[in-house]
Amino acid sequence: MPRQAVLSDQPKPASQPRTRTETLRARLADEIVSGVLEPGTPLDEQDLAARFGVSRTPVREAIRQLSASGLVRVRPHRGAVVALPTPRELNDMFEAMAELEALCAGLAARNMTVGERRGLETLHEALRLLVQKGDPARYHEKNEAFHAAIYAGSHNSYLAELALMTRARVAPFRRAQFRAAGRLGGSYTEHDLIVQAILRGDQAGASAAMRAHIGIVRDAFRSYAEVGTG
């Protein structure tokens, strides 16, 4: 079993607090998608609580959330085990994600207010600075906000809800790909095409740019996973 690693209690920005459950879920997700925790590995609540220096309550909730993401399979009366989706299942998830986000981006190009467009530009600039710093963890956090702004900018609450729900399923895989060499810069360049299309009101262009972006994210994760397990 990996050595004990107590979760950090360092303060988070007030606007984006992270609970122990969220931190634990992110740590376990990283270990699963990178191959540290292999498929079939049992996830014992007591062992994980001791390892991360937390009670069993956040461990139980983190496992529940990972189960919803498809990373963990909970077996009745037998506990939880690591269960990565098959390549076909993962491809299906990314395919659905690409179409949902493409719809959101296209509608955002048509419907975003002036204030929302300025907010998107601000997030885009923040991501540029994080590329310069080479900070994948913070880039991931801002990237989540960037995509959420586009969902909201579609002004279609049902579509935004579907996009957020699907994103939760693929989030661990999207997060992992930022560890690949050169991926931060590539992501920013892809974002720039999306932002420029939205700003000029190009609905078809924004949809196409977003669909291509998610396809590249999928391929980047595949490459990262192959390196991690090769």
Protein backbone atom coordinates (compact mmCIF):
# COMPACT_ATOMS: atom_id res chain seq x y z
CA MET A 1 0.00 0.00 0.00
CA PRO A 2 1.30 3.54 -0.77
CA ARG A 3 2.85 5.35 2.16
CA GLN A 4 0.76 7.58 4.41
CA ALA A 5 0.06 11.04 2.98
CA VAL A 6 -1.92 13.36 5.21
CA LEU A 7 -4.13 15.70 3.22
CA SER A 8 -2.99 19.30 3.15
CA ASP A 9 -4.77 21.78 5.40
CA GLN A 10 -3.36 24.78 3.56
CA PRO A 11 -6.05 27.45 3.08
CA LYS A 12 -7.80 27.67 -0.28
CA PRO A 13 -9.11 30.86 -1.88
CA ALA A 14 -12.41 31.86 -0.31
CA SER A 15 -14.14 31.78 -3.69
CA GLN A 16 -13.16 28.15 -4.31
CA PRO A 17 -12.99 26.26 -0.99
CA ARG A 18 -12.07 22.60 -1.25
CA THR A 19 -13.41 20.13 1.29
CA ARG A 20 -11.53 17.10 2.57
CA THR A 21 -13.83 14.93 0.46
CA GLU A 22 -13.00 16.90 -2.71
CA THR A 23 -9.27 16.79 -2.00
CA LEU A 24 -9.37 13.07 -1.27
CA ARG A 25 -11.45 12.37 -4.39
CA ALA A 26 -8.96 14.28 -6.55
CA ARG A 27 -5.96 12.47 -5.03
CA LEU A 28 -7.52 9.03 -5.51
CA ALA A 29 -8.65 9.91 -9.04
CA ASP A 30 -5.08 10.91 -9.94
CA GLU A 31 -3.72 7.63 -8.58
CA ILE A 32 -6.31 5.62 -10.50
CA VAL A 33 -5.88 7.26 -13.90
CA SER A 34 -2.07 7.25 -13.59
CA GLY A 35 -2.00 3.55 -12.75
CA VAL A 36 -0.74 3.83 -9.17
CA LEU A 37 -3.97 2.16 -8.12
CA GLU A 38 -4.58 -0.56 -10.69
CA PRO A 39 -7.96 -1.95 -11.82
CA GLY A 40 -9.28 -4.44 -9.29
CA THR A 41 -7.44 -2.86 -6.35
CA PRO A 42 -9.67 -2.96 -3.24
CA LEU A 43 -10.42 0.40 -1.63
CA ASP A 44 -10.72 -0.22 2.09
CA GLU A 45 -12.29 2.74 3.91
CA GLN A 46 -10.34 2.19 7.13
CA ASP A 47 -7.00 1.85 5.35
CA LEU A 48 -7.62 4.98 3.26
CA ALA A 49 -8.71 6.97 6.31
CA ALA A 50 -5.49 6.04 8.09
CA ARG A 51 -3.36 6.76 5.05
CA PHE A 52 -4.76 10.24 4.46
CA GLY A 53 -5.29 11.19 8.09
CA VAL A 54 -9.06 11.68 7.85
CA SER A 55 -12.17 10.04 9.25
CA ARG A 56 -14.05 7.37 7.30
CA THR A 57 -16.86 9.80 6.41
CA PRO A 58 -14.99 11.77 3.69
CA VAL A 59 -13.49 8.50 2.45
CA ARG A 60 -16.94 6.99 2.04
CA GLU A 61 -18.23 10.08 0.21
CA ALA A 62 -15.15 10.25 -2.04
CA ILE A 63 -15.64 6.61 -3.03
CA ARG A 64 -19.31 7.34 -3.79
CA GLN A 65 -18.32 10.23 -6.07
CA LEU A 66 -15.63 8.18 -7.79
CA SER A 67 -18.22 5.49 -8.41
CA ALA A 68 -20.36 8.07 -10.22
CA SER A 69 -17.33 8.91 -12.38
CA GLY A 70 -16.89 5.27 -13.34
CA LEU A 71 -13.47 5.03 -11.67
CA VAL A 72 -14.68 2.84 -8.82
CA ARG A 73 -17.08 -0.09 -8.72
CA VAL A 74 -18.97 -0.56 -5.46
CA ARG A 75 -19.92 -4.19 -4.88
CA PRO A 76 -22.78 -4.84 -2.43
CA HIS A 77 -21.46 -6.35 0.81
CA ARG A 78 -17.99 -6.72 -0.73
CA GLY A 79 -16.61 -3.17 -0.72
CA ALA A 80 -15.27 -0.98 -3.52
CA VAL A 81 -12.58 -1.71 -6.11
CA VAL A 82 -10.84 0.38 -8.76
CA ALA A 83 -12.68 -0.06 -12.07
CA LEU A 84 -11.51 2.01 -15.04
CA PRO A 85 -13.97 2.29 -17.93
CA THR A 86 -13.15 0.23 -21.01
CA PRO A 87 -11.64 2.15 -23.97
CA ARG A 88 -15.03 1.94 -25.72
CA GLU A 89 -16.88 3.31 -22.69
CA LEU A 90 -14.38 6.15 -22.30
CA ASN A 91 -14.61 7.00 -25.99
CA ASP A 92 -18.42 7.11 -25.73
CA MET A 93 -18.18 9.47 -22.76
CA PHE A 94 -15.83 11.84 -24.58
CA GLU A 95 -17.95 11.69 -27.72
CA ALA A 96 -21.03 12.77 -25.76
CA MET A 97 -19.00 15.44 -23.97
CA ALA A 98 -17.74 16.86 -27.26
CA GLU A 99 -21.24 17.24 -28.68
CA LEU A 100 -22.68 18.78 -25.52
CA GLU A 101 -19.84 21.29 -25.20
CA ALA A 102 -20.00 22.10 -28.90
CA LEU A 103 -23.69 22.96 -28.49
CA CYS A 104 -22.88 25.12 -25.46
CA ALA A 105 -20.10 26.99 -27.28
CA GLY A 106 -22.28 27.64 -30.31
CA LEU A 107 -25.13 28.99 -28.22
CA ALA A 108 -22.67 31.04 -26.14
CA ALA A 109 -21.45 32.71 -29.35
CA ARG A 110 -25.04 33.69 -30.05
CA ASN A 111 -26.35 34.43 -26.55
CA MET A 112 -23.55 35.66 -24.27
CA THR A 113 -23.97 39.15 -22.90
CA VAL A 114 -21.22 41.74 -23.13
CA GLY A 115 -20.41 41.18 -19.46
CA GLU A 116 -20.23 37.41 -19.91
CA ARG A 117 -17.88 37.79 -22.87
CA ARG A 118 -15.61 40.02 -20.81
CA GLY A 119 -15.66 37.45 -18.01
CA LEU A 120 -14.66 34.74 -20.46
CA GLU A 121 -11.78 36.88 -21.71
CA THR A 122 -10.64 37.39 -18.11
CA LEU A 123 -10.61 33.64 -17.45
CA HIS A 124 -8.77 33.07 -20.72
CA GLU A 125 -6.08 35.57 -19.70
CA ALA A 126 -5.74 33.91 -16.29
CA LEU A 127 -5.15 30.59 -18.05
CA ARG A 128 -2.45 32.19 -20.20
CA LEU A 129 -0.58 33.30 -17.09
CA LEU A 130 -0.82 29.81 -15.60
CA VAL A 131 0.65 28.35 -18.80
CA GLN A 132 3.63 30.68 -18.33
CA LYS A 133 3.98 29.53 -14.71
CA GLY A 134 3.65 25.87 -15.67
CA ASP A 135 1.05 25.20 -12.96
CA PRO A 136 -1.18 22.28 -14.07
CA ALA A 137 -3.13 22.09 -10.80
CA ARG A 138 -4.22 25.73 -10.89
CA TYR A 139 -4.73 25.53 -14.65
CA HIS A 140 -7.18 22.68 -14.10
CA GLU A 141 -9.14 24.75 -11.58
CA LYS A 142 -9.36 27.75 -13.91
CA ASN A 143 -10.11 25.46 -16.83
CA GLU A 144 -13.17 24.19 -14.96
CA ALA A 145 -14.34 27.79 -14.51
CA PHE A 146 -13.65 28.56 -18.18
CA HIS A 147 -15.84 25.73 -19.43
CA ALA A 148 -18.53 26.44 -16.84
CA ALA A 149 -18.69 30.04 -18.08
CA ILE A 150 -19.37 28.76 -21.59
CA TYR A 151 -22.09 26.43 -20.32
CA ALA A 152 -23.74 29.33 -18.50
CA GLY A 153 -23.26 31.58 -21.51
CA SER A 154 -25.36 29.24 -23.63
CA HIS A 155 -28.38 30.57 -21.69
CA ASN A 156 -29.87 27.08 -21.87
CA SER A 157 -30.08 25.79 -18.31
CA TYR A 158 -31.04 22.24 -19.27
CA LEU A 159 -28.12 21.91 -21.70
CA ALA A 160 -25.75 23.40 -19.11
CA GLU A 161 -26.97 20.86 -16.55
CA LEU A 162 -26.35 17.98 -18.95
CA ALA A 163 -22.88 19.31 -19.77
CA LEU A 164 -21.95 19.65 -16.10
CA MET A 165 -23.23 16.16 -15.30
CA THR A 166 -21.28 14.60 -18.18
CA ARG A 167 -18.19 16.63 -17.31
CA ALA A 168 -18.27 15.18 -13.80
CA ARG A 169 -17.99 11.72 -15.33
CA VAL A 170 -14.91 12.54 -17.39
CA ALA A 171 -13.29 15.11 -15.06
CA PRO A 172 -10.59 12.76 -13.67
CA PHE A 173 -9.45 11.94 -17.21
CA ARG A 174 -9.51 15.57 -18.35
CA ARG A 175 -7.49 16.55 -15.29
CA ALA A 176 -4.85 13.88 -15.86
CA GLN A 177 -4.04 15.00 -19.40
CA PHE A 178 -2.65 18.33 -18.13
CA ARG A 179 0.37 16.39 -16.83
CA ALA A 180 1.42 15.53 -20.39
CA ALA A 181 4.34 17.53 -21.76
CA GLY A 182 3.23 20.64 -23.63
CA ARG A 183 -0.44 20.07 -22.88
CA LEU A 184 -1.03 23.36 -21.03
CA GLY A 185 0.09 25.41 -24.01
CA GLY A 186 -1.89 23.24 -26.39
CA SER A 187 -5.04 23.60 -24.31
CA TYR A 188 -4.65 27.38 -24.20
CA THR A 189 -4.22 27.56 -27.99
CA GLU A 190 -7.36 25.48 -28.48
CA HIS A 191 -9.24 27.71 -26.03
CA ASP A 192 -8.14 30.76 -27.98
CA LEU A 193 -9.88 29.50 -31.10
CA ILE A 194 -13.06 28.94 -29.09
CA VAL A 195 -12.89 32.37 -27.42
CA GLN A 196 -12.28 34.25 -30.65
CA ALA A 197 -15.21 32.50 -32.34
CA ILE A 198 -17.50 33.31 -29.41
CA LEU A 199 -16.40 36.96 -29.33
CA ARG A 200 -17.17 37.45 -33.01
CA GLY A 201 -20.52 35.68 -32.68
CA ASP A 202 -19.53 32.78 -34.92
CA GLN A 203 -21.87 30.01 -33.77
CA ALA A 204 -20.66 27.35 -36.21
CA GLY A 205 -17.01 28.25 -35.65
CA ALA A 206 -17.32 28.10 -31.86
CA SER A 207 -19.03 24.70 -32.03
CA ALA A 208 -16.38 23.31 -34.37
CA ALA A 209 -13.51 24.66 -32.27
CA MET A 210 -14.96 23.19 -29.06
CA ARG A 211 -15.64 19.81 -30.66
CA ALA A 212 -12.06 19.67 -31.92
CA HIS A 213 -10.76 20.71 -28.48
CA ILE A 214 -12.55 17.87 -26.68
CA GLY A 215 -11.28 15.41 -29.29
CA ILE A 216 -7.72 16.53 -28.60
CA VAL A 217 -8.33 16.24 -24.84
CA ARG A 218 -9.46 12.65 -25.35
CA ASP A 219 -6.37 11.81 -27.41
CA ALA A 220 -4.07 13.56 -24.92
CA PHE A 221 -5.48 11.48 -22.08
CA ARG A 222 -5.00 8.28 -24.09
CA SER A 223 -1.35 9.18 -24.67
CA TYR A 224 -0.85 10.07 -20.99
CA ALA A 225 -2.46 6.82 -19.84
CA GLU A 226 -0.34 4.73 -22.22
CA VAL A 227 2.85 6.33 -20.90
CA GLY A 228 1.72 5.87 -17.29
CA THR A 229 0.95 2.18 -17.74
CA GLY A 230 3.53 1.26 -20.35
